[in-house]
Amino acid sequence: IRHAHSALGPRGQLRLQRADNDQI
């Protein structure tokens, strides 16, 4: 998956998203 997606490469930007459970 890492090799197939540019989003997972050096130029990909990470953003936190919300979940209403402290275990997710």
PDBML (XML) file of the C-alpha atoms, coordinates in Angstrom:
<?xml version="1.0" encoding="UTF-8" ?>
<PDBx:datablock datablockName="MODEL"
   xmlns:PDBx="http://pdbml.pdb.org/schema/pdbx-v50.xsd"
   xmlns:xsi="http://www.w3.org/2001/XMLSchema-instance"
   xsi:schemaLocation="http://pdbml.pdb.org/schema/pdbx-v50.xsd pdbx-v50.xsd">
   <PDBx:atom_siteCategory>
      <PDBx:atom_site id="1">
         <PDBx:B_iso_or_equiv>0.00</PDBx:B_iso_or_equiv>
         <PDBx:Cartn_x>0.000</PDBx:Cartn_x>
         <PDBx:Cartn_y>0.000</PDBx:Cartn_y>
         <PDBx:Cartn_z>0.000</PDBx:Cartn_z>
         <PDBx:auth_asym_id>A</PDBx:auth_asym_id>
         <PDBx:auth_atom_id>CA</PDBx:auth_atom_id>
         <PDBx:auth_comp_id>ILE</PDBx:auth_comp_id>
         <PDBx:auth_seq_id>1</PDBx:auth_seq_id>
         <PDBx:group_PDB>ATOM</PDBx:group_PDB>
         <PDBx:label_alt_id xsi:nil="true" />
         <PDBx:label_asym_id>A</PDBx:label_asym_id>
         <PDBx:label_atom_id>CA</PDBx:label_atom_id>
         <PDBx:label_comp_id>ILE</PDBx:label_comp_id>
         <PDBx:label_entity_id>1</PDBx:label_entity_id>
         <PDBx:label_seq_id>1</PDBx:label_seq_id>
         <PDBx:occupancy>1.00</PDBx:occupancy>
         <PDBx:pdbx_PDB_model_num>1</PDBx:pdbx_PDB_model_num>
         <PDBx:type_symbol>C</PDBx:type_symbol>
      </PDBx:atom_site>
      <PDBx:atom_site id="2">
         <PDBx:B_iso_or_equiv>0.00</PDBx:B_iso_or_equiv>
         <PDBx:Cartn_x>2.847</PDBx:Cartn_x>
         <PDBx:Cartn_y>2.375</PDBx:Cartn_y>
         <PDBx:Cartn_z>0.861</PDBx:Cartn_z>
         <PDBx:auth_asym_id>A</PDBx:auth_asym_id>
         <PDBx:auth_atom_id>CA</PDBx:auth_atom_id>
         <PDBx:auth_comp_id>ARG</PDBx:auth_comp_id>
         <PDBx:auth_seq_id>2</PDBx:auth_seq_id>
         <PDBx:group_PDB>ATOM</PDBx:group_PDB>
         <PDBx:label_alt_id xsi:nil="true" />
         <PDBx:label_asym_id>A</PDBx:label_asym_id>
         <PDBx:label_atom_id>CA</PDBx:label_atom_id>
         <PDBx:label_comp_id>ARG</PDBx:label_comp_id>
         <PDBx:label_entity_id>1</PDBx:label_entity_id>
         <PDBx:label_seq_id>2</PDBx:label_seq_id>
         <PDBx:occupancy>1.00</PDBx:occupancy>
         <PDBx:pdbx_PDB_model_num>1</PDBx:pdbx_PDB_model_num>
         <PDBx:type_symbol>C</PDBx:type_symbol>
      </PDBx:atom_site>
      <PDBx:atom_site id="3">
         <PDBx:B_iso_or_equiv>0.00</PDBx:B_iso_or_equiv>
         <PDBx:Cartn_x>4.419</PDBx:Cartn_x>
         <PDBx:Cartn_y>1.914</PDBx:Cartn_y>
         <PDBx:Cartn_z>-2.560</PDBx:Cartn_z>
         <PDBx:auth_asym_id>A</PDBx:auth_asym_id>
         <PDBx:auth_atom_id>CA</PDBx:auth_atom_id>
         <PDBx:auth_comp_id>HIS</PDBx:auth_comp_id>
         <PDBx:auth_seq_id>3</PDBx:auth_seq_id>
         <PDBx:group_PDB>ATOM</PDBx:group_PDB>
         <PDBx:label_alt_id xsi:nil="true" />
         <PDBx:label_asym_id>A</PDBx:label_asym_id>
         <PDBx:label_atom_id>CA</PDBx:label_atom_id>
         <PDBx:label_comp_id>HIS</PDBx:label_comp_id>
         <PDBx:label_entity_id>1</PDBx:label_entity_id>
         <PDBx:label_seq_id>3</PDBx:label_seq_id>
         <PDBx:occupancy>1.00</PDBx:occupancy>
         <PDBx:pdbx_PDB_model_num>1</PDBx:pdbx_PDB_model_num>
         <PDBx:type_symbol>C</PDBx:type_symbol>
      </PDBx:atom_site>
      <PDBx:atom_site id="4">
         <PDBx:B_iso_or_equiv>0.00</PDBx:B_iso_or_equiv>
         <PDBx:Cartn_x>1.085</PDBx:Cartn_x>
         <PDBx:Cartn_y>2.318</PDBx:Cartn_y>
         <PDBx:Cartn_z>-4.371</PDBx:Cartn_z>
         <PDBx:auth_asym_id>A</PDBx:auth_asym_id>
         <PDBx:auth_atom_id>CA</PDBx:auth_atom_id>
         <PDBx:auth_comp_id>ALA</PDBx:auth_comp_id>
         <PDBx:auth_seq_id>4</PDBx:auth_seq_id>
         <PDBx:group_PDB>ATOM</PDBx:group_PDB>
         <PDBx:label_alt_id xsi:nil="true" />
         <PDBx:label_asym_id>A</PDBx:label_asym_id>
         <PDBx:label_atom_id>CA</PDBx:label_atom_id>
         <PDBx:label_comp_id>ALA</PDBx:label_comp_id>
         <PDBx:label_entity_id>1</PDBx:label_entity_id>
         <PDBx:label_seq_id>4</PDBx:label_seq_id>
         <PDBx:occupancy>1.00</PDBx:occupancy>
         <PDBx:pdbx_PDB_model_num>1</PDBx:pdbx_PDB_model_num>
         <PDBx:type_symbol>C</PDBx:type_symbol>
      </PDBx:atom_site>
      <PDBx:atom_site id="5">
         <PDBx:B_iso_or_equiv>0.00</PDBx:B_iso_or_equiv>
         <PDBx:Cartn_x>0.039</PDBx:Cartn_x>
         <PDBx:Cartn_y>5.669</PDBx:Cartn_y>
         <PDBx:Cartn_z>-2.864</PDBx:Cartn_z>
         <PDBx:auth_asym_id>A</PDBx:auth_asym_id>
         <PDBx:auth_atom_id>CA</PDBx:auth_atom_id>
         <PDBx:auth_comp_id>HIS</PDBx:auth_comp_id>
         <PDBx:auth_seq_id>5</PDBx:auth_seq_id>
         <PDBx:group_PDB>ATOM</PDBx:group_PDB>
         <PDBx:label_alt_id xsi:nil="true" />
         <PDBx:label_asym_id>A</PDBx:label_asym_id>
         <PDBx:label_atom_id>CA</PDBx:label_atom_id>
         <PDBx:label_comp_id>HIS</PDBx:label_comp_id>
         <PDBx:label_entity_id>1</PDBx:label_entity_id>
         <PDBx:label_seq_id>5</PDBx:label_seq_id>
         <PDBx:occupancy>1.00</PDBx:occupancy>
         <PDBx:pdbx_PDB_model_num>1</PDBx:pdbx_PDB_model_num>
         <PDBx:type_symbol>C</PDBx:type_symbol>
      </PDBx:atom_site>
      <PDBx:atom_site id="6">
         <PDBx:B_iso_or_equiv>0.00</PDBx:B_iso_or_equiv>
         <PDBx:Cartn_x>1.767</PDBx:Cartn_x>
         <PDBx:Cartn_y>9.021</PDBx:Cartn_y>
         <PDBx:Cartn_z>-3.247</PDBx:Cartn_z>
         <PDBx:auth_asym_id>A</PDBx:auth_asym_id>
         <PDBx:auth_atom_id>CA</PDBx:auth_atom_id>
         <PDBx:auth_comp_id>SER</PDBx:auth_comp_id>
         <PDBx:auth_seq_id>6</PDBx:auth_seq_id>
         <PDBx:group_PDB>ATOM</PDBx:group_PDB>
         <PDBx:label_alt_id xsi:nil="true" />
         <PDBx:label_asym_id>A</PDBx:label_asym_id>
         <PDBx:label_atom_id>CA</PDBx:label_atom_id>
         <PDBx:label_comp_id>SER</PDBx:label_comp_id>
         <PDBx:label_entity_id>1</PDBx:label_entity_id>
         <PDBx:label_seq_id>6</PDBx:label_seq_id>
         <PDBx:occupancy>1.00</PDBx:occupancy>
         <PDBx:pdbx_PDB_model_num>1</PDBx:pdbx_PDB_model_num>
         <PDBx:type_symbol>C</PDBx:type_symbol>
      </PDBx:atom_site>
      <PDBx:atom_site id="7">
         <PDBx:B_iso_or_equiv>0.00</PDBx:B_iso_or_equiv>
         <PDBx:Cartn_x>-0.210</PDBx:Cartn_x>
         <PDBx:Cartn_y>10.191</PDBx:Cartn_y>
         <PDBx:Cartn_z>-0.201</PDBx:Cartn_z>
         <PDBx:auth_asym_id>A</PDBx:auth_asym_id>
         <PDBx:auth_atom_id>CA</PDBx:auth_atom_id>
         <PDBx:auth_comp_id>ALA</PDBx:auth_comp_id>
         <PDBx:auth_seq_id>7</PDBx:auth_seq_id>
         <PDBx:group_PDB>ATOM</PDBx:group_PDB>
         <PDBx:label_alt_id xsi:nil="true" />
         <PDBx:label_asym_id>A</PDBx:label_asym_id>
         <PDBx:label_atom_id>CA</PDBx:label_atom_id>
         <PDBx:label_comp_id>ALA</PDBx:label_comp_id>
         <PDBx:label_entity_id>1</PDBx:label_entity_id>
         <PDBx:label_seq_id>7</PDBx:label_seq_id>
         <PDBx:occupancy>1.00</PDBx:occupancy>
         <PDBx:pdbx_PDB_model_num>1</PDBx:pdbx_PDB_model_num>
         <PDBx:type_symbol>C</PDBx:type_symbol>
      </PDBx:atom_site>
      <PDBx:atom_site id="8">
         <PDBx:B_iso_or_equiv>0.00</PDBx:B_iso_or_equiv>
         <PDBx:Cartn_x>1.935</PDBx:Cartn_x>
         <PDBx:Cartn_y>7.863</PDBx:Cartn_y>
         <PDBx:Cartn_z>1.915</PDBx:Cartn_z>
         <PDBx:auth_asym_id>A</PDBx:auth_asym_id>
         <PDBx:auth_atom_id>CA</PDBx:auth_atom_id>
         <PDBx:auth_comp_id>LEU</PDBx:auth_comp_id>
         <PDBx:auth_seq_id>8</PDBx:auth_seq_id>
         <PDBx:group_PDB>ATOM</PDBx:group_PDB>
         <PDBx:label_alt_id xsi:nil="true" />
         <PDBx:label_asym_id>A</PDBx:label_asym_id>
         <PDBx:label_atom_id>CA</PDBx:label_atom_id>
         <PDBx:label_comp_id>LEU</PDBx:label_comp_id>
         <PDBx:label_entity_id>1</PDBx:label_entity_id>
         <PDBx:label_seq_id>8</PDBx:label_seq_id>
         <PDBx:occupancy>1.00</PDBx:occupancy>
         <PDBx:pdbx_PDB_model_num>1</PDBx:pdbx_PDB_model_num>
         <PDBx:type_symbol>C</PDBx:type_symbol>
      </PDBx:atom_site>
      <PDBx:atom_site id="9">
         <PDBx:B_iso_or_equiv>0.00</PDBx:B_iso_or_equiv>
         <PDBx:Cartn_x>5.194</PDBx:Cartn_x>
         <PDBx:Cartn_y>9.206</PDBx:Cartn_y>
         <PDBx:Cartn_z>0.494</PDBx:Cartn_z>
         <PDBx:auth_asym_id>A</PDBx:auth_asym_id>
         <PDBx:auth_atom_id>CA</PDBx:auth_atom_id>
         <PDBx:auth_comp_id>GLY</PDBx:auth_comp_id>
         <PDBx:auth_seq_id>9</PDBx:auth_seq_id>
         <PDBx:group_PDB>ATOM</PDBx:group_PDB>
         <PDBx:label_alt_id xsi:nil="true" />
         <PDBx:label_asym_id>A</PDBx:label_asym_id>
         <PDBx:label_atom_id>CA</PDBx:label_atom_id>
         <PDBx:label_comp_id>GLY</PDBx:label_comp_id>
         <PDBx:label_entity_id>1</PDBx:label_entity_id>
         <PDBx:label_seq_id>9</PDBx:label_seq_id>
         <PDBx:occupancy>1.00</PDBx:occupancy>
         <PDBx:pdbx_PDB_model_num>1</PDBx:pdbx_PDB_model_num>
         <PDBx:type_symbol>C</PDBx:type_symbol>
      </PDBx:atom_site>
      <PDBx:atom_site id="10">
         <PDBx:B_iso_or_equiv>0.00</PDBx:B_iso_or_equiv>
         <PDBx:Cartn_x>7.342</PDBx:Cartn_x>
         <PDBx:Cartn_y>12.167</PDBx:Cartn_y>
         <PDBx:Cartn_z>1.548</PDBx:Cartn_z>
         <PDBx:auth_asym_id>A</PDBx:auth_asym_id>
         <PDBx:auth_atom_id>CA</PDBx:auth_atom_id>
         <PDBx:auth_comp_id>PRO</PDBx:auth_comp_id>
         <PDBx:auth_seq_id>10</PDBx:auth_seq_id>
         <PDBx:group_PDB>ATOM</PDBx:group_PDB>
         <PDBx:label_alt_id xsi:nil="true" />
         <PDBx:label_asym_id>A</PDBx:label_asym_id>
         <PDBx:label_atom_id>CA</PDBx:label_atom_id>
         <PDBx:label_comp_id>PRO</PDBx:label_comp_id>
         <PDBx:label_entity_id>1</PDBx:label_entity_id>
         <PDBx:label_seq_id>10</PDBx:label_seq_id>
         <PDBx:occupancy>1.00</PDBx:occupancy>
         <PDBx:pdbx_PDB_model_num>1</PDBx:pdbx_PDB_model_num>
         <PDBx:type_symbol>C</PDBx:type_symbol>
      </PDBx:atom_site>
      <PDBx:atom_site id="11">
         <PDBx:B_iso_or_equiv>0.00</PDBx:B_iso_or_equiv>
         <PDBx:Cartn_x>4.983</PDBx:Cartn_x>
         <PDBx:Cartn_y>14.765</PDBx:Cartn_y>
         <PDBx:Cartn_z>0.053</PDBx:Cartn_z>
         <PDBx:auth_asym_id>A</PDBx:auth_asym_id>
         <PDBx:auth_atom_id>CA</PDBx:auth_atom_id>
         <PDBx:auth_comp_id>ARG</PDBx:auth_comp_id>
         <PDBx:auth_seq_id>11</PDBx:auth_seq_id>
         <PDBx:group_PDB>ATOM</PDBx:group_PDB>
         <PDBx:label_alt_id xsi:nil="true" />
         <PDBx:label_asym_id>A</PDBx:label_asym_id>
         <PDBx:label_atom_id>CA</PDBx:label_atom_id>
         <PDBx:label_comp_id>ARG</PDBx:label_comp_id>
         <PDBx:label_entity_id>1</PDBx:label_entity_id>
         <PDBx:label_seq_id>11</PDBx:label_seq_id>
         <PDBx:occupancy>1.00</PDBx:occupancy>
         <PDBx:pdbx_PDB_model_num>1</PDBx:pdbx_PDB_model_num>
         <PDBx:type_symbol>C</PDBx:type_symbol>
      </PDBx:atom_site>
      <PDBx:atom_site id="12">
         <PDBx:B_iso_or_equiv>0.00</PDBx:B_iso_or_equiv>
         <PDBx:Cartn_x>1.835</PDBx:Cartn_x>
         <PDBx:Cartn_y>13.432</PDBx:Cartn_y>
         <PDBx:Cartn_z>1.702</PDBx:Cartn_z>
         <PDBx:auth_asym_id>A</PDBx:auth_asym_id>
         <PDBx:auth_atom_id>CA</PDBx:auth_atom_id>
         <PDBx:auth_comp_id>GLY</PDBx:auth_comp_id>
         <PDBx:auth_seq_id>12</PDBx:auth_seq_id>
         <PDBx:group_PDB>ATOM</PDBx:group_PDB>
         <PDBx:label_alt_id xsi:nil="true" />
         <PDBx:label_asym_id>A</PDBx:label_asym_id>
         <PDBx:label_atom_id>CA</PDBx:label_atom_id>
         <PDBx:label_comp_id>GLY</PDBx:label_comp_id>
         <PDBx:label_entity_id>1</PDBx:label_entity_id>
         <PDBx:label_seq_id>12</PDBx:label_seq_id>
         <PDBx:occupancy>1.00</PDBx:occupancy>
         <PDBx:pdbx_PDB_model_num>1</PDBx:pdbx_PDB_model_num>
         <PDBx:type_symbol>C</PDBx:type_symbol>
      </PDBx:atom_site>
      <PDBx:atom_site id="13">
         <PDBx:B_iso_or_equiv>0.00</PDBx:B_iso_or_equiv>
         <PDBx:Cartn_x>0.245</PDBx:Cartn_x>
         <PDBx:Cartn_y>15.633</PDBx:Cartn_y>
         <PDBx:Cartn_z>4.367</PDBx:Cartn_z>
         <PDBx:auth_asym_id>A</PDBx:auth_asym_id>
         <PDBx:auth_atom_id>CA</PDBx:auth_atom_id>
         <PDBx:auth_comp_id>GLN</PDBx:auth_comp_id>
         <PDBx:auth_seq_id>13</PDBx:auth_seq_id>
         <PDBx:group_PDB>ATOM</PDBx:group_PDB>
         <PDBx:label_alt_id xsi:nil="true" />
         <PDBx:label_asym_id>A</PDBx:label_asym_id>
         <PDBx:label_atom_id>CA</PDBx:label_atom_id>
         <PDBx:label_comp_id>GLN</PDBx:label_comp_id>
         <PDBx:label_entity_id>1</PDBx:label_entity_id>
         <PDBx:label_seq_id>13</PDBx:label_seq_id>
         <PDBx:occupancy>1.00</PDBx:occupancy>
         <PDBx:pdbx_PDB_model_num>1</PDBx:pdbx_PDB_model_num>
         <PDBx:type_symbol>C</PDBx:type_symbol>
      </PDBx:atom_site>
      <PDBx:atom_site id="14">
         <PDBx:B_iso_or_equiv>0.00</PDBx:B_iso_or_equiv>
         <PDBx:Cartn_x>-1.018</PDBx:Cartn_x>
         <PDBx:Cartn_y>14.098</PDBx:Cartn_y>
         <PDBx:Cartn_z>7.601</PDBx:Cartn_z>
         <PDBx:auth_asym_id>A</PDBx:auth_asym_id>
         <PDBx:auth_atom_id>CA</PDBx:auth_atom_id>
         <PDBx:auth_comp_id>LEU</PDBx:auth_comp_id>
         <PDBx:auth_seq_id>14</PDBx:auth_seq_id>
         <PDBx:group_PDB>ATOM</PDBx:group_PDB>
         <PDBx:label_alt_id xsi:nil="true" />
         <PDBx:label_asym_id>A</PDBx:label_asym_id>
         <PDBx:label_atom_id>CA</PDBx:label_atom_id>
         <PDBx:label_comp_id>LEU</PDBx:label_comp_id>
         <PDBx:label_entity_id>1</PDBx:label_entity_id>
         <PDBx:label_seq_id>14</PDBx:label_seq_id>
         <PDBx:occupancy>1.00</PDBx:occupancy>
         <PDBx:pdbx_PDB_model_num>1</PDBx:pdbx_PDB_model_num>
         <PDBx:type_symbol>C</PDBx:type_symbol>
      </PDBx:atom_site>
      <PDBx:atom_site id="15">
         <PDBx:B_iso_or_equiv>0.00</PDBx:B_iso_or_equiv>
         <PDBx:Cartn_x>-4.231</PDBx:Cartn_x>
         <PDBx:Cartn_y>15.398</PDBx:Cartn_y>
         <PDBx:Cartn_z>9.182</PDBx:Cartn_z>
         <PDBx:auth_asym_id>A</PDBx:auth_asym_id>
         <PDBx:auth_atom_id>CA</PDBx:auth_atom_id>
         <PDBx:auth_comp_id>ARG</PDBx:auth_comp_id>
         <PDBx:auth_seq_id>15</PDBx:auth_seq_id>
         <PDBx:group_PDB>ATOM</PDBx:group_PDB>
         <PDBx:label_alt_id xsi:nil="true" />
         <PDBx:label_asym_id>A</PDBx:label_asym_id>
         <PDBx:label_atom_id>CA</PDBx:label_atom_id>
         <PDBx:label_comp_id>ARG</PDBx:label_comp_id>
         <PDBx:label_entity_id>1</PDBx:label_entity_id>
         <PDBx:label_seq_id>15</PDBx:label_seq_id>
         <PDBx:occupancy>1.00</PDBx:occupancy>
         <PDBx:pdbx_PDB_model_num>1</PDBx:pdbx_PDB_model_num>
         <PDBx:type_symbol>C</PDBx:type_symbol>
      </PDBx:atom_site>
      <PDBx:atom_site id="16">
         <PDBx:B_iso_or_equiv>0.00</PDBx:B_iso_or_equiv>
         <PDBx:Cartn_x>-5.947</PDBx:Cartn_x>
         <PDBx:Cartn_y>14.168</PDBx:Cartn_y>
         <PDBx:Cartn_z>12.313</PDBx:Cartn_z>
         <PDBx:auth_asym_id>A</PDBx:auth_asym_id>
         <PDBx:auth_atom_id>CA</PDBx:auth_atom_id>
         <PDBx:auth_comp_id>LEU</PDBx:auth_comp_id>
         <PDBx:auth_seq_id>16</PDBx:auth_seq_id>
         <PDBx:group_PDB>ATOM</PDBx:group_PDB>
         <PDBx:label_alt_id xsi:nil="true" />
         <PDBx:label_asym_id>A</PDBx:label_asym_id>
         <PDBx:label_atom_id>CA</PDBx:label_atom_id>
         <PDBx:label_comp_id>LEU</PDBx:label_comp_id>
         <PDBx:label_entity_id>1</PDBx:label_entity_id>
         <PDBx:label_seq_id>16</PDBx:label_seq_id>
         <PDBx:occupancy>1.00</PDBx:occupancy>
         <PDBx:pdbx_PDB_model_num>1</PDBx:pdbx_PDB_model_num>
         <PDBx:type_symbol>C</PDBx:type_symbol>
      </PDBx:atom_site>
      <PDBx:atom_site id="17">
         <PDBx:B_iso_or_equiv>0.00</PDBx:B_iso_or_equiv>
         <PDBx:Cartn_x>-9.649</PDBx:Cartn_x>
         <PDBx:Cartn_y>13.398</PDBx:Cartn_y>
         <PDBx:Cartn_z>11.905</PDBx:Cartn_z>
         <PDBx:auth_asym_id>A</PDBx:auth_asym_id>
         <PDBx:auth_atom_id>CA</PDBx:auth_atom_id>
         <PDBx:auth_comp_id>GLN</PDBx:auth_comp_id>
         <PDBx:auth_seq_id>17</PDBx:auth_seq_id>
         <PDBx:group_PDB>ATOM</PDBx:group_PDB>
         <PDBx:label_alt_id xsi:nil="true" />
         <PDBx:label_asym_id>A</PDBx:label_asym_id>
         <PDBx:label_atom_id>CA</PDBx:label_atom_id>
         <PDBx:label_comp_id>GLN</PDBx:label_comp_id>
         <PDBx:label_entity_id>1</PDBx:label_entity_id>
         <PDBx:label_seq_id>17</PDBx:label_seq_id>
         <PDBx:occupancy>1.00</PDBx:occupancy>
         <PDBx:pdbx_PDB_model_num>1</PDBx:pdbx_PDB_model_num>
         <PDBx:type_symbol>C</PDBx:type_symbol>
      </PDBx:atom_site>
      <PDBx:atom_site id="18">
         <PDBx:B_iso_or_equiv>0.00</PDBx:B_iso_or_equiv>
         <PDBx:Cartn_x>-12.288</PDBx:Cartn_x>
         <PDBx:Cartn_y>13.082</PDBx:Cartn_y>
         <PDBx:Cartn_z>14.629</PDBx:Cartn_z>
         <PDBx:auth_asym_id>A</PDBx:auth_asym_id>
         <PDBx:auth_atom_id>CA</PDBx:auth_atom_id>
         <PDBx:auth_comp_id>ARG</PDBx:auth_comp_id>
         <PDBx:auth_seq_id>18</PDBx:auth_seq_id>
         <PDBx:group_PDB>ATOM</PDBx:group_PDB>
         <PDBx:label_alt_id xsi:nil="true" />
         <PDBx:label_asym_id>A</PDBx:label_asym_id>
         <PDBx:label_atom_id>CA</PDBx:label_atom_id>
         <PDBx:label_comp_id>ARG</PDBx:label_comp_id>
         <PDBx:label_entity_id>1</PDBx:label_entity_id>
         <PDBx:label_seq_id>18</PDBx:label_seq_id>
         <PDBx:occupancy>1.00</PDBx:occupancy>
         <PDBx:pdbx_PDB_model_num>1</PDBx:pdbx_PDB_model_num>
         <PDBx:type_symbol>C</PDBx:type_symbol>
      </PDBx:atom_site>
      <PDBx:atom_site id="19">
         <PDBx:B_iso_or_equiv>0.00</PDBx:B_iso_or_equiv>
         <PDBx:Cartn_x>-13.832</PDBx:Cartn_x>
         <PDBx:Cartn_y>10.037</PDBx:Cartn_y>
         <PDBx:Cartn_z>16.250</PDBx:Cartn_z>
         <PDBx:auth_asym_id>A</PDBx:auth_asym_id>
         <PDBx:auth_atom_id>CA</PDBx:auth_atom_id>
         <PDBx:auth_comp_id>ALA</PDBx:auth_comp_id>
         <PDBx:auth_seq_id>19</PDBx:auth_seq_id>
         <PDBx:group_PDB>ATOM</PDBx:group_PDB>
         <PDBx:label_alt_id xsi:nil="true" />
         <PDBx:label_asym_id>A</PDBx:label_asym_id>
         <PDBx:label_atom_id>CA</PDBx:label_atom_id>
         <PDBx:label_comp_id>ALA</PDBx:label_comp_id>
         <PDBx:label_entity_id>1</PDBx:label_entity_id>
         <PDBx:label_seq_id>19</PDBx:label_seq_id>
         <PDBx:occupancy>1.00</PDBx:occupancy>
         <PDBx:pdbx_PDB_model_num>1</PDBx:pdbx_PDB_model_num>
         <PDBx:type_symbol>C</PDBx:type_symbol>
      </PDBx:atom_site>
      <PDBx:atom_site id="20">
         <PDBx:B_iso_or_equiv>0.00</PDBx:B_iso_or_equiv>
         <PDBx:Cartn_x>-16.147</PDBx:Cartn_x>
         <PDBx:Cartn_y>10.116</PDBx:Cartn_y>
         <PDBx:Cartn_z>19.291</PDBx:Cartn_z>
         <PDBx:auth_asym_id>A</PDBx:auth_asym_id>
         <PDBx:auth_atom_id>CA</PDBx:auth_atom_id>
         <PDBx:auth_comp_id>ASP</PDBx:auth_comp_id>
         <PDBx:auth_seq_id>20</PDBx:auth_seq_id>
         <PDBx:group_PDB>ATOM</PDBx:group_PDB>
         <PDBx:label_alt_id xsi:nil="true" />
         <PDBx:label_asym_id>A</PDBx:label_asym_id>
         <PDBx:label_atom_id>CA</PDBx:label_atom_id>
         <PDBx:label_comp_id>ASP</PDBx:label_comp_id>
         <PDBx:label_entity_id>1</PDBx:label_entity_id>
         <PDBx:label_seq_id>20</PDBx:label_seq_id>
         <PDBx:occupancy>1.00</PDBx:occupancy>
         <PDBx:pdbx_PDB_model_num>1</PDBx:pdbx_PDB_model_num>
         <PDBx:type_symbol>C</PDBx:type_symbol>
      </PDBx:atom_site>
      <PDBx:atom_site id="21">
         <PDBx:B_iso_or_equiv>0.00</PDBx:B_iso_or_equiv>
         <PDBx:Cartn_x>-14.382</PDBx:Cartn_x>
         <PDBx:Cartn_y>7.236</PDBx:Cartn_y>
         <PDBx:Cartn_z>21.027</PDBx:Cartn_z>
         <PDBx:auth_asym_id>A</PDBx:auth_asym_id>
         <PDBx:auth_atom_id>CA</PDBx:auth_atom_id>
         <PDBx:auth_comp_id>ASN</PDBx:auth_comp_id>
         <PDBx:auth_seq_id>21</PDBx:auth_seq_id>
         <PDBx:group_PDB>ATOM</PDBx:group_PDB>
         <PDBx:label_alt_id xsi:nil="true" />
         <PDBx:label_asym_id>A</PDBx:label_asym_id>
         <PDBx:label_atom_id>CA</PDBx:label_atom_id>
         <PDBx:label_comp_id>ASN</PDBx:label_comp_id>
         <PDBx:label_entity_id>1</PDBx:label_entity_id>
         <PDBx:label_seq_id>21</PDBx:label_seq_id>
         <PDBx:occupancy>1.00</PDBx:occupancy>
         <PDBx:pdbx_PDB_model_num>1</PDBx:pdbx_PDB_model_num>
         <PDBx:type_symbol>C</PDBx:type_symbol>
      </PDBx:atom_site>
      <PDBx:atom_site id="22">
         <PDBx:B_iso_or_equiv>0.00</PDBx:B_iso_or_equiv>
         <PDBx:Cartn_x>-11.060</PDBx:Cartn_x>
         <PDBx:Cartn_y>7.483</PDBx:Cartn_y>
         <PDBx:Cartn_z>22.867</PDBx:Cartn_z>
         <PDBx:auth_asym_id>A</PDBx:auth_asym_id>
         <PDBx:auth_atom_id>CA</PDBx:auth_atom_id>
         <PDBx:auth_comp_id>ASP</PDBx:auth_comp_id>
         <PDBx:auth_seq_id>22</PDBx:auth_seq_id>
         <PDBx:group_PDB>ATOM</PDBx:group_PDB>
         <PDBx:label_alt_id xsi:nil="true" />
         <PDBx:label_asym_id>A</PDBx:label_asym_id>
         <PDBx:label_atom_id>CA</PDBx:label_atom_id>
         <PDBx:label_comp_id>ASP</PDBx:label_comp_id>
         <PDBx:label_entity_id>1</PDBx:label_entity_id>
         <PDBx:label_seq_id>22</PDBx:label_seq_id>
         <PDBx:occupancy>1.00</PDBx:occupancy>
         <PDBx:pdbx_PDB_model_num>1</PDBx:pdbx_PDB_model_num>
         <PDBx:type_symbol>C</PDBx:type_symbol>
      </PDBx:atom_site>
      <PDBx:atom_site id="23">
         <PDBx:B_iso_or_equiv>0.00</PDBx:B_iso_or_equiv>
         <PDBx:Cartn_x>-10.109</PDBx:Cartn_x>
         <PDBx:Cartn_y>4.035</PDBx:Cartn_y>
         <PDBx:Cartn_z>21.584</PDBx:Cartn_z>
         <PDBx:auth_asym_id>A</PDBx:auth_asym_id>
         <PDBx:auth_atom_id>CA</PDBx:auth_atom_id>
         <PDBx:auth_comp_id>GLN</PDBx:auth_comp_id>
         <PDBx:auth_seq_id>23</PDBx:auth_seq_id>
         <PDBx:group_PDB>ATOM</PDBx:group_PDB>
         <PDBx:label_alt_id xsi:nil="true" />
         <PDBx:label_asym_id>A</PDBx:label_asym_id>
         <PDBx:label_atom_id>CA</PDBx:label_atom_id>
         <PDBx:label_comp_id>GLN</PDBx:label_comp_id>
         <PDBx:label_entity_id>1</PDBx:label_entity_id>
         <PDBx:label_seq_id>23</PDBx:label_seq_id>
         <PDBx:occupancy>1.00</PDBx:occupancy>
         <PDBx:pdbx_PDB_model_num>1</PDBx:pdbx_PDB_model_num>
         <PDBx:type_symbol>C</PDBx:type_symbol>
      </PDBx:atom_site>
      <PDBx:atom_site id="24">
         <PDBx:B_iso_or_equiv>0.00</PDBx:B_iso_or_equiv>
         <PDBx:Cartn_x>-10.492</PDBx:Cartn_x>
         <PDBx:Cartn_y>4.938</PDBx:Cartn_y>
         <PDBx:Cartn_z>17.900</PDBx:Cartn_z>
         <PDBx:auth_asym_id>A</PDBx:auth_asym_id>
         <PDBx:auth_atom_id>CA</PDBx:auth_atom_id>
         <PDBx:auth_comp_id>ILE</PDBx:auth_comp_id>
         <PDBx:auth_seq_id>24</PDBx:auth_seq_id>
         <PDBx:group_PDB>ATOM</PDBx:group_PDB>
         <PDBx:label_alt_id xsi:nil="true" />
         <PDBx:label_asym_id>A</PDBx:label_asym_id>
         <PDBx:label_atom_id>CA</PDBx:label_atom_id>
         <PDBx:label_comp_id>ILE</PDBx:label_comp_id>
         <PDBx:label_entity_id>1</PDBx:label_entity_id>
         <PDBx:label_seq_id>24</PDBx:label_seq_id>
         <PDBx:occupancy>1.00</PDBx:occupancy>
         <PDBx:pdbx_PDB_model_num>1</PDBx:pdbx_PDB_model_num>
         <PDBx:type_symbol>C</PDBx:type_symbol>
      </PDBx:atom_site>
   </PDBx:atom_siteCategory>
</PDBx:datablock>
